[in-house]
């Protein structure tokens, strides 16, 4: 598992340091390690918030209405909004002009 840890960051940093010396390669690998650790911490914090907010929302919905349906409707609206935003920013074809690309073509 250690070999896969931070692979995306590592490959990106090594691509940026391509053609440089061995010292730049070592610096790139260390920078990738730091960035992947920061990303993992951030993702873990978001997951922990979700692990608290979802059960809490169910509890509050049941306390307020006697059923979990309000929480389910709120979650459904949230996920539909996330889906719409993902489509809008990453998947749609640009309608402004053929020369303007969306983020899907930008390979960000």
N, C-alpha and C. Protein backbone atom coordinates (compact mmCIF):
# COMPACT_ATOMS: atom_id res chain seq x y z
N UNK A 1 0.82 -1.20 0.00
CA UNK A 1 0.00 0.00 0.00
C UNK A 1 0.87 1.26 0.00
N UNK A 2 2.04 1.17 0.58
CA UNK A 2 2.93 2.33 0.64
C UNK A 2 3.30 2.83 -0.75
N UNK A 3 3.39 1.92 -1.71
CA UNK A 3 3.78 2.31 -3.07
C UNK A 3 2.72 3.16 -3.75
N UNK A 4 1.44 2.97 -3.38
CA UNK A 4 0.36 3.72 -4.02
C UNK A 4 0.08 5.05 -3.34
N UNK A 5 0.60 5.25 -2.16
CA UNK A 5 0.31 6.45 -1.40
C UNK A 5 0.86 7.68 -2.11
N UNK A 6 0.01 8.64 -2.43
CA UNK A 6 0.44 9.88 -3.05
C UNK A 6 0.91 9.73 -4.49
N UNK A 7 0.46 8.70 -5.18
CA UNK A 7 0.96 8.42 -6.52
C UNK A 7 0.62 9.56 -7.49
N UNK A 8 -0.56 10.11 -7.40
CA UNK A 8 -0.95 11.20 -8.31
C UNK A 8 -0.04 12.41 -8.09
N UNK A 9 0.15 12.79 -6.84
CA UNK A 9 1.00 13.94 -6.56
C UNK A 9 2.45 13.65 -6.97
N UNK A 10 2.90 12.43 -6.72
CA UNK A 10 4.28 12.06 -7.06
C UNK A 10 4.50 12.14 -8.56
N UNK A 11 3.60 11.55 -9.32
CA UNK A 11 3.76 11.56 -10.78
C UNK A 11 3.71 12.98 -11.34
N UNK A 12 2.85 13.80 -10.78
CA UNK A 12 2.74 15.19 -11.25
C UNK A 12 4.02 15.97 -10.95
N UNK A 13 4.55 15.81 -9.75
CA UNK A 13 5.78 16.53 -9.38
C UNK A 13 6.98 16.02 -10.19
N UNK A 14 7.02 14.71 -10.44
CA UNK A 14 8.12 14.18 -11.25
C UNK A 14 8.02 14.65 -12.69
N UNK A 15 6.80 14.80 -13.19
CA UNK A 15 6.62 15.33 -14.55
C UNK A 15 7.11 16.77 -14.61
N UNK A 16 6.82 17.55 -13.57
CA UNK A 16 7.29 18.94 -13.53
C UNK A 16 8.81 19.02 -13.45
N UNK A 17 9.45 18.06 -12.76
CA UNK A 17 10.90 18.08 -12.59
C UNK A 17 11.63 17.31 -13.68
N UNK A 18 10.92 16.89 -14.71
CA UNK A 18 11.53 16.09 -15.78
C UNK A 18 12.65 16.89 -16.44
N UNK A 19 13.76 16.23 -16.65
CA UNK A 19 14.91 16.87 -17.27
C UNK A 19 15.82 17.57 -16.28
N UNK A 20 15.40 17.63 -15.03
CA UNK A 20 16.24 18.25 -14.01
C UNK A 20 17.15 17.20 -13.41
N UNK A 21 18.01 17.62 -12.54
CA UNK A 21 18.96 16.71 -11.91
C UNK A 21 18.32 15.86 -10.82
N UNK A 22 19.15 15.04 -10.22
CA UNK A 22 18.69 14.13 -9.16
C UNK A 22 18.21 14.91 -7.93
N UNK A 23 18.85 16.02 -7.63
CA UNK A 23 18.44 16.82 -6.47
C UNK A 23 17.02 17.37 -6.66
N UNK A 24 16.71 17.82 -7.86
CA UNK A 24 15.35 18.31 -8.13
C UNK A 24 14.33 17.19 -8.05
N UNK A 25 14.74 16.00 -8.43
CA UNK A 25 13.86 14.84 -8.34
C UNK A 25 13.54 14.51 -6.88
N UNK A 26 14.54 14.57 -6.02
CA UNK A 26 14.34 14.30 -4.59
C UNK A 26 13.43 15.37 -3.98
N UNK A 27 13.65 16.63 -4.36
CA UNK A 27 12.81 17.72 -3.87
C UNK A 27 11.37 17.51 -4.33
N UNK A 28 11.19 17.08 -5.58
CA UNK A 28 9.84 16.85 -6.12
C UNK A 28 9.13 15.73 -5.36
N UNK A 29 9.84 14.66 -5.05
CA UNK A 29 9.23 13.55 -4.31
C UNK A 29 8.85 13.99 -2.90
N UNK A 30 9.70 14.77 -2.25
CA UNK A 30 9.38 15.27 -0.91
C UNK A 30 8.18 16.22 -0.94
N UNK A 31 8.12 17.09 -1.94
CA UNK A 31 6.98 18.00 -2.07
C UNK A 31 5.70 17.21 -2.31
N UNK A 32 5.79 16.16 -3.11
CA UNK A 32 4.61 15.33 -3.37
C UNK A 32 4.14 14.64 -2.09
N UNK A 33 5.07 14.19 -1.28
CA UNK A 33 4.72 13.55 -0.01
C UNK A 33 3.97 14.53 0.91
N UNK A 34 4.45 15.75 0.97
CA UNK A 34 3.81 16.76 1.81
C UNK A 34 2.41 17.10 1.28
N UNK A 35 2.28 17.27 -0.03
CA UNK A 35 0.99 17.61 -0.62
C UNK A 35 -0.02 16.47 -0.46
N UNK A 36 0.44 15.24 -0.63
CA UNK A 36 -0.50 14.12 -0.48
C UNK A 36 -0.94 13.96 0.98
N UNK A 37 -0.06 14.24 1.93
CA UNK A 37 -0.44 14.18 3.33
C UNK A 37 -1.47 15.27 3.66
N UNK A 38 -1.27 16.46 3.10
CA UNK A 38 -2.23 17.54 3.34
C UNK A 38 -3.59 17.20 2.74
N UNK A 39 -3.59 16.64 1.53
CA UNK A 39 -4.85 16.27 0.89
C UNK A 39 -5.55 15.17 1.68
N UNK A 40 -4.79 14.20 2.15
CA UNK A 40 -5.38 13.12 2.94
C UNK A 40 -6.00 13.65 4.23
N UNK A 41 -5.33 14.59 4.88
CA UNK A 41 -5.89 15.19 6.09
C UNK A 41 -7.17 15.95 5.82
N UNK A 42 -7.20 16.70 4.74
CA UNK A 42 -8.39 17.46 4.38
C UNK A 42 -9.55 16.53 4.04
N UNK A 43 -9.28 15.50 3.26
CA UNK A 43 -10.32 14.55 2.88
C UNK A 43 -10.85 13.82 4.10
N UNK A 44 -9.96 13.47 5.02
CA UNK A 44 -10.39 12.82 6.26
C UNK A 44 -11.27 13.72 7.11
N UNK A 45 -10.94 15.01 7.16
CA UNK A 45 -11.76 15.95 7.93
C UNK A 45 -13.15 16.10 7.33
N UNK A 46 -13.24 16.16 6.01
CA UNK A 46 -14.54 16.24 5.34
C UNK A 46 -15.35 14.98 5.61
N UNK A 47 -14.70 13.82 5.56
CA UNK A 47 -15.38 12.56 5.85
C UNK A 47 -15.89 12.50 7.28
N UNK A 48 -15.11 13.03 8.20
CA UNK A 48 -15.53 13.04 9.60
C UNK A 48 -16.74 13.94 9.80
N UNK A 49 -16.77 15.07 9.10
CA UNK A 49 -17.94 15.96 9.19
C UNK A 49 -19.18 15.25 8.66
N UNK A 50 -19.04 14.55 7.54
CA UNK A 50 -20.17 13.81 6.99
C UNK A 50 -20.62 12.70 7.91
N UNK A 51 -19.68 12.06 8.59
CA UNK A 51 -20.02 11.01 9.53
C UNK A 51 -20.76 11.53 10.75
N UNK A 52 -20.62 12.80 11.04
CA UNK A 52 -21.37 13.41 12.13
C UNK A 52 -22.67 14.03 11.65
N UNK A 53 -22.62 14.76 10.54
CA UNK A 53 -23.78 15.53 10.10
C UNK A 53 -24.95 14.66 9.63
N UNK A 54 -24.67 13.55 8.96
CA UNK A 54 -25.76 12.71 8.44
C UNK A 54 -26.57 12.09 9.58
N UNK A 55 -25.95 11.42 10.56
CA UNK A 55 -26.76 10.89 11.67
C UNK A 55 -27.42 11.99 12.50
N UNK A 56 -26.72 13.10 12.65
CA UNK A 56 -27.29 14.22 13.39
C UNK A 56 -28.53 14.76 12.67
N UNK A 57 -28.46 14.85 11.35
CA UNK A 57 -29.61 15.31 10.57
C UNK A 57 -30.79 14.38 10.69
N UNK A 58 -30.52 13.08 10.66
CA UNK A 58 -31.60 12.12 10.86
C UNK A 58 -32.23 12.27 12.24
N UNK A 59 -31.40 12.43 13.25
CA UNK A 59 -31.92 12.59 14.61
C UNK A 59 -32.77 13.84 14.76
N UNK A 60 -32.32 14.94 14.20
CA UNK A 60 -33.08 16.19 14.29
C UNK A 60 -34.37 16.11 13.49
N UNK A 61 -34.32 15.43 12.34
CA UNK A 61 -35.53 15.28 11.54
C UNK A 61 -36.57 14.43 12.27
N UNK A 62 -36.12 13.36 12.89
CA UNK A 62 -37.05 12.50 13.63
C UNK A 62 -37.60 13.24 14.84
N UNK A 63 -36.76 14.03 15.52
CA UNK A 63 -37.23 14.79 16.68
C UNK A 63 -38.23 15.86 16.27
N UNK A 64 -38.03 16.49 15.13
CA UNK A 64 -38.90 17.58 14.71
C UNK A 64 -40.19 17.10 14.06
N UNK A 65 -40.10 16.05 13.24
CA UNK A 65 -41.27 15.64 12.47
C UNK A 65 -41.77 14.24 12.81
N UNK A 66 -40.96 13.47 13.53
CA UNK A 66 -41.36 12.11 13.86
C UNK A 66 -40.96 11.10 12.80
N UNK A 67 -40.33 11.55 11.72
CA UNK A 67 -39.92 10.65 10.65
C UNK A 67 -38.64 11.20 10.00
N UNK A 68 -37.87 10.36 9.33
CA UNK A 68 -36.62 10.82 8.72
C UNK A 68 -36.79 11.43 7.34
N UNK A 69 -38.01 11.63 6.88
CA UNK A 69 -38.23 12.06 5.51
C UNK A 69 -37.69 13.46 5.21
N UNK A 70 -37.76 14.36 6.16
CA UNK A 70 -37.23 15.72 5.94
C UNK A 70 -35.72 15.66 5.70
N UNK A 71 -35.01 14.87 6.50
CA UNK A 71 -33.57 14.73 6.31
C UNK A 71 -33.27 14.12 4.95
N UNK A 72 -34.03 13.12 4.55
CA UNK A 72 -33.82 12.49 3.25
C UNK A 72 -34.05 13.48 2.11
N UNK A 73 -35.05 14.33 2.23
CA UNK A 73 -35.31 15.34 1.20
C UNK A 73 -34.16 16.35 1.13
N UNK A 74 -33.63 16.74 2.27
CA UNK A 74 -32.51 17.69 2.30
C UNK A 74 -31.27 17.06 1.69
N UNK A 75 -31.00 15.79 2.03
CA UNK A 75 -29.85 15.10 1.45
C UNK A 75 -30.01 14.95 -0.05
N UNK A 76 -31.21 14.62 -0.50
CA UNK A 76 -31.46 14.48 -1.93
C UNK A 76 -31.23 15.81 -2.66
N UNK A 77 -31.70 16.91 -2.08
CA UNK A 77 -31.49 18.22 -2.69
C UNK A 77 -30.00 18.57 -2.72
N UNK A 78 -29.28 18.25 -1.65
CA UNK A 78 -27.84 18.52 -1.60
C UNK A 78 -27.11 17.73 -2.68
N UNK A 79 -27.40 16.44 -2.80
CA UNK A 79 -26.72 15.61 -3.79
C UNK A 79 -27.10 16.02 -5.21
N UNK A 80 -28.33 16.42 -5.43
CA UNK A 80 -28.74 16.90 -6.75
C UNK A 80 -27.99 18.19 -7.10
N UNK A 81 -27.81 19.07 -6.12
CA UNK A 81 -27.05 20.30 -6.33
C UNK A 81 -25.59 19.98 -6.66
N UNK A 82 -25.00 19.04 -5.93
CA UNK A 82 -23.61 18.64 -6.22
C UNK A 82 -23.49 18.05 -7.61
N UNK A 83 -24.45 17.24 -8.00
CA UNK A 83 -24.44 16.64 -9.34
C UNK A 83 -24.56 17.73 -10.41
N UNK A 84 -25.46 18.69 -10.21
CA UNK A 84 -25.63 19.77 -11.17
C UNK A 84 -24.38 20.63 -11.29
N UNK A 85 -23.74 20.94 -10.15
CA UNK A 85 -22.52 21.74 -10.19
C UNK A 85 -21.38 20.99 -10.88
N UNK A 86 -21.27 19.69 -10.63
CA UNK A 86 -20.25 18.90 -11.30
C UNK A 86 -20.47 18.90 -12.80
N UNK A 87 -21.71 18.70 -13.21
CA UNK A 87 -22.01 18.73 -14.64
C UNK A 87 -21.67 20.10 -15.22
N UNK A 88 -22.10 21.17 -14.55
CA UNK A 88 -21.93 22.53 -15.06
C UNK A 88 -20.45 22.88 -15.25
N UNK A 89 -19.62 22.56 -14.26
CA UNK A 89 -18.23 22.99 -14.33
C UNK A 89 -17.30 22.00 -15.03
N UNK A 90 -17.66 20.71 -15.08
CA UNK A 90 -16.72 19.73 -15.60
C UNK A 90 -17.19 18.97 -16.83
N UNK A 91 -18.47 18.76 -17.02
CA UNK A 91 -18.93 17.85 -18.05
C UNK A 91 -19.64 18.50 -19.23
N UNK A 92 -20.18 19.68 -19.06
CA UNK A 92 -20.98 20.29 -20.13
C UNK A 92 -20.09 20.78 -21.25
N UNK A 93 -20.67 20.85 -22.41
CA UNK A 93 -20.00 21.48 -23.55
C UNK A 93 -20.19 22.99 -23.40
N UNK A 94 -19.20 23.74 -23.77
CA UNK A 94 -19.28 25.19 -23.65
C UNK A 94 -20.28 25.73 -24.67
N UNK A 95 -21.18 26.60 -24.22
CA UNK A 95 -22.17 27.18 -25.12
C UNK A 95 -21.78 28.58 -25.57
N UNK A 96 -20.69 29.13 -25.05
CA UNK A 96 -20.30 30.50 -25.39
C UNK A 96 -19.77 30.59 -26.81
N UNK A 97 -18.84 29.76 -27.13
CA UNK A 97 -18.30 29.73 -28.49
C UNK A 97 -17.53 28.43 -28.67
N UNK A 98 -17.34 28.02 -29.90
CA UNK A 98 -16.58 26.80 -30.13
C UNK A 98 -15.12 26.91 -29.67
N UNK A 99 -14.58 28.12 -29.61
CA UNK A 99 -13.19 28.27 -29.22
C UNK A 99 -13.00 28.22 -27.69
N UNK A 100 -14.05 28.42 -26.93
CA UNK A 100 -13.97 28.37 -25.48
C UNK A 100 -14.17 26.94 -25.03
N UNK A 101 -13.22 26.43 -24.25
CA UNK A 101 -13.33 25.06 -23.78
C UNK A 101 -13.84 25.02 -22.35
N UNK A 102 -14.50 23.93 -22.01
CA UNK A 102 -14.92 23.73 -20.63
C UNK A 102 -13.76 23.08 -19.87
N UNK A 103 -13.90 22.91 -18.58
CA UNK A 103 -12.84 22.28 -17.80
C UNK A 103 -12.65 20.83 -18.19
N UNK A 104 -13.66 20.20 -18.80
CA UNK A 104 -13.52 18.81 -19.23
C UNK A 104 -12.45 18.70 -20.32
N UNK A 105 -12.37 19.66 -21.21
CA UNK A 105 -11.35 19.62 -22.25
C UNK A 105 -10.01 20.18 -21.78
N UNK A 106 -10.01 20.90 -20.68
CA UNK A 106 -8.79 21.52 -20.19
C UNK A 106 -7.85 20.51 -19.53
N UNK A 107 -8.34 19.34 -19.18
CA UNK A 107 -7.56 18.30 -18.52
C UNK A 107 -6.88 18.83 -17.28
N UNK A 108 -7.68 19.49 -16.43
CA UNK A 108 -7.16 20.07 -15.19
C UNK A 108 -6.91 18.97 -14.19
